[in-house]
Amino acid sequence: MTKTLESKVVAWAALILVIVMICVTFKMRTAWWAFIDIFFAFMMAFMHLMAVYIGKRLPAIGKQLDSAAFVMLVLAVISFVIEWFAMY
């Protein structure tokens, strides 16, 4: 990982940004399935934050958590596109 991706500050900023997005867009999401993309984004940010903290002591687990975070990123993008087509 690069120094930016290993930064705890950047990982916390990403998690806080996702939480702010949840709060700001809460009223816009009228159906239960409209939260799927933000769920995957939250899981991505949380798993990456855990990977940064755990990766210092257990590098193998940190890499697995980062891989899972990448999968969550892909799922968040796919679900965002599907939601966009479903809403409009």
N, C-alpha and C. Protein backbone atom coordinates (compact mmCIF):
# COMPACT_ATOMS: atom_id res chain seq x y z
N MET A 1 0.83 -1.18 0.00
CA MET A 1 0.00 0.00 0.00
C MET A 1 0.88 1.24 0.00
N THR A 2 0.34 2.30 -0.56
CA THR A 2 1.07 3.56 -0.53
C THR A 2 0.87 4.23 0.82
N LYS A 3 1.63 5.27 1.05
CA LYS A 3 1.54 5.97 2.33
C LYS A 3 0.17 6.61 2.53
N THR A 4 -0.45 7.08 1.46
CA THR A 4 -1.78 7.69 1.59
C THR A 4 -2.80 6.65 2.00
N LEU A 5 -2.73 5.46 1.41
CA LEU A 5 -3.69 4.41 1.75
C LEU A 5 -3.45 3.84 3.14
N GLU A 6 -2.23 3.95 3.65
CA GLU A 6 -1.92 3.45 4.98
C GLU A 6 -2.20 4.48 6.07
N SER A 7 -2.59 5.68 5.68
CA SER A 7 -2.81 6.76 6.63
C SER A 7 -4.09 6.55 7.43
N LYS A 8 -3.98 6.64 8.74
CA LYS A 8 -5.16 6.52 9.59
C LYS A 8 -6.07 7.73 9.42
N VAL A 9 -5.48 8.89 9.18
CA VAL A 9 -6.28 10.11 9.01
C VAL A 9 -7.16 10.01 7.77
N VAL A 10 -6.61 9.50 6.68
CA VAL A 10 -7.38 9.35 5.45
C VAL A 10 -8.47 8.30 5.63
N ALA A 11 -8.17 7.22 6.33
CA ALA A 11 -9.18 6.18 6.56
C ALA A 11 -10.32 6.72 7.42
N TRP A 12 -9.98 7.48 8.47
CA TRP A 12 -11.03 8.08 9.30
C TRP A 12 -11.83 9.11 8.51
N ALA A 13 -11.16 9.89 7.68
CA ALA A 13 -11.86 10.90 6.86
C ALA A 13 -12.84 10.23 5.91
N ALA A 14 -12.46 9.11 5.33
CA ALA A 14 -13.36 8.40 4.42
C ALA A 14 -14.58 7.88 5.16
N LEU A 15 -14.37 7.33 6.35
CA LEU A 15 -15.50 6.82 7.14
C LEU A 15 -16.43 7.95 7.56
N ILE A 16 -15.88 9.07 7.98
CA ILE A 16 -16.70 10.22 8.37
C ILE A 16 -17.45 10.77 7.17
N LEU A 17 -16.81 10.80 6.01
CA LEU A 17 -17.47 11.27 4.79
C LEU A 17 -18.66 10.38 4.44
N VAL A 18 -18.51 9.09 4.57
CA VAL A 18 -19.62 8.17 4.28
C VAL A 18 -20.75 8.38 5.28
N ILE A 19 -20.42 8.57 6.54
CA ILE A 19 -21.46 8.81 7.55
C ILE A 19 -22.20 10.12 7.27
N VAL A 20 -21.48 11.15 6.86
CA VAL A 20 -22.12 12.41 6.48
C VAL A 20 -23.03 12.21 5.27
N MET A 21 -22.58 11.42 4.30
CA MET A 21 -23.43 11.13 3.14
C MET A 21 -24.70 10.41 3.56
N ILE A 22 -24.62 9.51 4.50
CA ILE A 22 -25.81 8.81 5.00
C ILE A 22 -26.77 9.83 5.61
N CYS A 23 -26.26 10.72 6.43
CA CYS A 23 -27.12 11.71 7.09
C CYS A 23 -27.74 12.69 6.10
N VAL A 24 -26.98 13.14 5.14
CA VAL A 24 -27.47 14.14 4.19
C VAL A 24 -28.49 13.55 3.22
N THR A 25 -28.28 12.34 2.78
CA THR A 25 -29.17 11.75 1.77
C THR A 25 -30.23 10.84 2.35
N PHE A 26 -30.42 10.86 3.67
CA PHE A 26 -31.37 9.94 4.29
C PHE A 26 -32.79 10.17 3.80
N LYS A 27 -33.22 11.41 3.70
CA LYS A 27 -34.60 11.72 3.28
C LYS A 27 -34.83 11.42 1.81
N MET A 28 -33.78 11.40 1.01
CA MET A 28 -33.92 11.14 -0.43
C MET A 28 -34.17 9.66 -0.72
N ARG A 29 -33.83 8.82 0.19
CA ARG A 29 -33.93 7.38 -0.03
C ARG A 29 -35.28 6.90 0.50
N THR A 30 -36.22 6.71 -0.42
CA THR A 30 -37.59 6.40 -0.01
C THR A 30 -37.84 4.90 0.13
N ALA A 31 -37.10 4.08 -0.57
CA ALA A 31 -37.29 2.63 -0.51
C ALA A 31 -36.15 2.00 0.29
N TRP A 32 -36.41 0.83 0.82
CA TRP A 32 -35.40 0.16 1.64
C TRP A 32 -34.17 -0.20 0.82
N TRP A 33 -34.35 -0.53 -0.47
CA TRP A 33 -33.22 -0.95 -1.29
C TRP A 33 -32.35 0.23 -1.72
N ALA A 34 -32.79 1.45 -1.45
CA ALA A 34 -32.01 2.62 -1.83
C ALA A 34 -30.80 2.84 -0.93
N PHE A 35 -30.71 2.08 0.15
CA PHE A 35 -29.57 2.20 1.06
C PHE A 35 -28.46 1.21 0.75
N ILE A 36 -28.63 0.39 -0.26
CA ILE A 36 -27.65 -0.67 -0.53
C ILE A 36 -26.29 -0.09 -0.91
N ASP A 37 -26.28 0.92 -1.78
CA ASP A 37 -24.99 1.49 -2.19
C ASP A 37 -24.26 2.14 -1.03
N ILE A 38 -24.98 2.84 -0.18
CA ILE A 38 -24.33 3.50 0.94
C ILE A 38 -23.89 2.48 1.99
N PHE A 39 -24.61 1.36 2.09
CA PHE A 39 -24.18 0.28 2.98
C PHE A 39 -22.84 -0.27 2.53
N PHE A 40 -22.71 -0.55 1.23
CA PHE A 40 -21.44 -1.07 0.73
C PHE A 40 -20.32 -0.04 0.88
N ALA A 41 -20.64 1.24 0.71
CA ALA A 41 -19.63 2.29 0.89
C ALA A 41 -19.18 2.35 2.35
N PHE A 42 -20.13 2.24 3.27
CA PHE A 42 -19.78 2.23 4.69
C PHE A 42 -18.91 1.03 5.03
N MET A 43 -19.31 -0.14 4.54
CA MET A 43 -18.53 -1.34 4.82
C MET A 43 -17.12 -1.23 4.23
N MET A 44 -17.00 -0.62 3.05
CA MET A 44 -15.69 -0.43 2.44
C MET A 44 -14.82 0.45 3.33
N ALA A 45 -15.36 1.59 3.76
CA ALA A 45 -14.58 2.51 4.58
C ALA A 45 -14.22 1.88 5.93
N PHE A 46 -15.16 1.17 6.53
CA PHE A 46 -14.91 0.54 7.82
C PHE A 46 -13.86 -0.56 7.71
N MET A 47 -13.97 -1.39 6.68
CA MET A 47 -12.99 -2.47 6.51
C MET A 47 -11.60 -1.92 6.22
N HIS A 48 -11.54 -0.84 5.46
CA HIS A 48 -10.23 -0.25 5.19
C HIS A 48 -9.64 0.35 6.47
N LEU A 49 -10.48 0.98 7.28
CA LEU A 49 -10.01 1.52 8.55
C LEU A 49 -9.47 0.41 9.45
N MET A 50 -10.18 -0.69 9.51
CA MET A 50 -9.70 -1.83 10.30
C MET A 50 -8.42 -2.42 9.71
N ALA A 51 -8.32 -2.43 8.38
CA ALA A 51 -7.10 -2.93 7.73
C ALA A 51 -5.90 -2.07 8.08
N VAL A 52 -6.11 -0.77 8.17
CA VAL A 52 -5.01 0.13 8.52
C VAL A 52 -4.55 -0.14 9.96
N TYR A 53 -5.50 -0.30 10.87
CA TYR A 53 -5.13 -0.53 12.27
C TYR A 53 -4.57 -1.94 12.48
N ILE A 54 -5.23 -2.95 11.94
CA ILE A 54 -4.81 -4.33 12.16
C ILE A 54 -3.58 -4.68 11.32
N GLY A 55 -3.46 -4.05 10.15
CA GLY A 55 -2.36 -4.35 9.24
C GLY A 55 -0.98 -4.06 9.81
N LYS A 56 -0.91 -3.18 10.80
CA LYS A 56 0.38 -2.88 11.42
C LYS A 56 0.91 -4.09 12.20
N ARG A 57 0.01 -4.82 12.85
CA ARG A 57 0.42 -5.96 13.67
C ARG A 57 0.31 -7.29 12.94
N LEU A 58 -0.74 -7.44 12.13
CA LEU A 58 -0.99 -8.68 11.39
C LEU A 58 -1.16 -8.34 9.91
N PRO A 59 -0.06 -8.27 9.16
CA PRO A 59 -0.13 -7.83 7.77
C PRO A 59 -1.01 -8.71 6.88
N ALA A 60 -1.04 -10.00 7.13
CA ALA A 60 -1.86 -10.90 6.29
C ALA A 60 -3.34 -10.58 6.45
N ILE A 61 -3.77 -10.34 7.67
CA ILE A 61 -5.18 -10.01 7.90
C ILE A 61 -5.49 -8.63 7.35
N GLY A 62 -4.55 -7.71 7.45
CA GLY A 62 -4.74 -6.38 6.88
C GLY A 62 -4.95 -6.44 5.37
N LYS A 63 -4.18 -7.30 4.70
CA LYS A 63 -4.35 -7.45 3.25
C LYS A 63 -5.70 -8.07 2.91
N GLN A 64 -6.15 -9.04 3.72
CA GLN A 64 -7.47 -9.64 3.49
C GLN A 64 -8.58 -8.62 3.69
N LEU A 65 -8.45 -7.78 4.70
CA LEU A 65 -9.46 -6.75 4.93
C LEU A 65 -9.46 -5.72 3.80
N ASP A 66 -8.28 -5.38 3.30
CA ASP A 66 -8.23 -4.45 2.16
C ASP A 66 -8.82 -5.08 0.91
N SER A 67 -8.62 -6.37 0.72
CA SER A 67 -9.24 -7.06 -0.41
C SER A 67 -10.76 -7.05 -0.27
N ALA A 68 -11.25 -7.30 0.93
CA ALA A 68 -12.70 -7.25 1.17
C ALA A 68 -13.23 -5.83 0.97
N ALA A 69 -12.45 -4.83 1.36
CA ALA A 69 -12.86 -3.44 1.15
C ALA A 69 -12.94 -3.12 -0.34
N PHE A 70 -12.03 -3.67 -1.13
CA PHE A 70 -12.09 -3.45 -2.57
C PHE A 70 -13.33 -4.11 -3.18
N VAL A 71 -13.67 -5.30 -2.70
CA VAL A 71 -14.90 -5.96 -3.16
C VAL A 71 -16.11 -5.11 -2.82
N MET A 72 -16.13 -4.54 -1.62
CA MET A 72 -17.24 -3.66 -1.22
C MET A 72 -17.30 -2.42 -2.10
N LEU A 73 -16.14 -1.91 -2.50
CA LEU A 73 -16.12 -0.76 -3.42
C LEU A 73 -16.75 -1.11 -4.75
N VAL A 74 -16.40 -2.26 -5.30
CA VAL A 74 -16.98 -2.70 -6.57
C VAL A 74 -18.48 -2.88 -6.43
N LEU A 75 -18.92 -3.50 -5.34
CA LEU A 75 -20.35 -3.69 -5.11
C LEU A 75 -21.07 -2.36 -4.92
N ALA A 76 -20.43 -1.39 -4.27
CA ALA A 76 -21.04 -0.07 -4.09
C ALA A 76 -21.24 0.62 -5.43
N VAL A 77 -20.25 0.53 -6.30
CA VAL A 77 -20.38 1.16 -7.63
C VAL A 77 -21.48 0.47 -8.44
N ILE A 78 -21.50 -0.84 -8.43
CA ILE A 78 -22.53 -1.58 -9.17
C ILE A 78 -23.92 -1.25 -8.62
N SER A 79 -24.08 -1.24 -7.31
CA SER A 79 -25.39 -0.95 -6.74
C SER A 79 -25.80 0.51 -6.98
N PHE A 80 -24.84 1.43 -7.00
CA PHE A 80 -25.16 2.82 -7.31
C PHE A 80 -25.70 2.95 -8.73
N VAL A 81 -25.07 2.27 -9.67
CA VAL A 81 -25.53 2.32 -11.06
C VAL A 81 -26.92 1.70 -11.18
N ILE A 82 -27.15 0.58 -10.53
CA ILE A 82 -28.46 -0.06 -10.58
C ILE A 82 -29.53 0.83 -9.93
N GLU A 83 -29.20 1.44 -8.80
CA GLU A 83 -30.16 2.35 -8.16
C GLU A 83 -30.45 3.55 -9.04
N TRP A 84 -29.44 4.07 -9.70
CA TRP A 84 -29.65 5.23 -10.56
C TRP A 84 -30.62 4.88 -11.69
N PHE A 85 -30.46 3.71 -12.30
CA PHE A 85 -31.40 3.31 -13.35
C PHE A 85 -32.78 3.02 -12.78
N ALA A 86 -32.86 2.49 -11.58
CA ALA A 86 -34.16 2.16 -10.98
C ALA A 86 -34.93 3.42 -10.56
N MET A 87 -34.21 4.43 -10.12
CA MET A 87 -34.88 5.66 -9.66
C MET A 87 -35.28 6.57 -10.82
N TYR A 88 -34.52 6.56 -11.89
CA TYR A 88 -34.80 7.46 -13.00
C TYR A 88 -35.12 6.64 -14.20
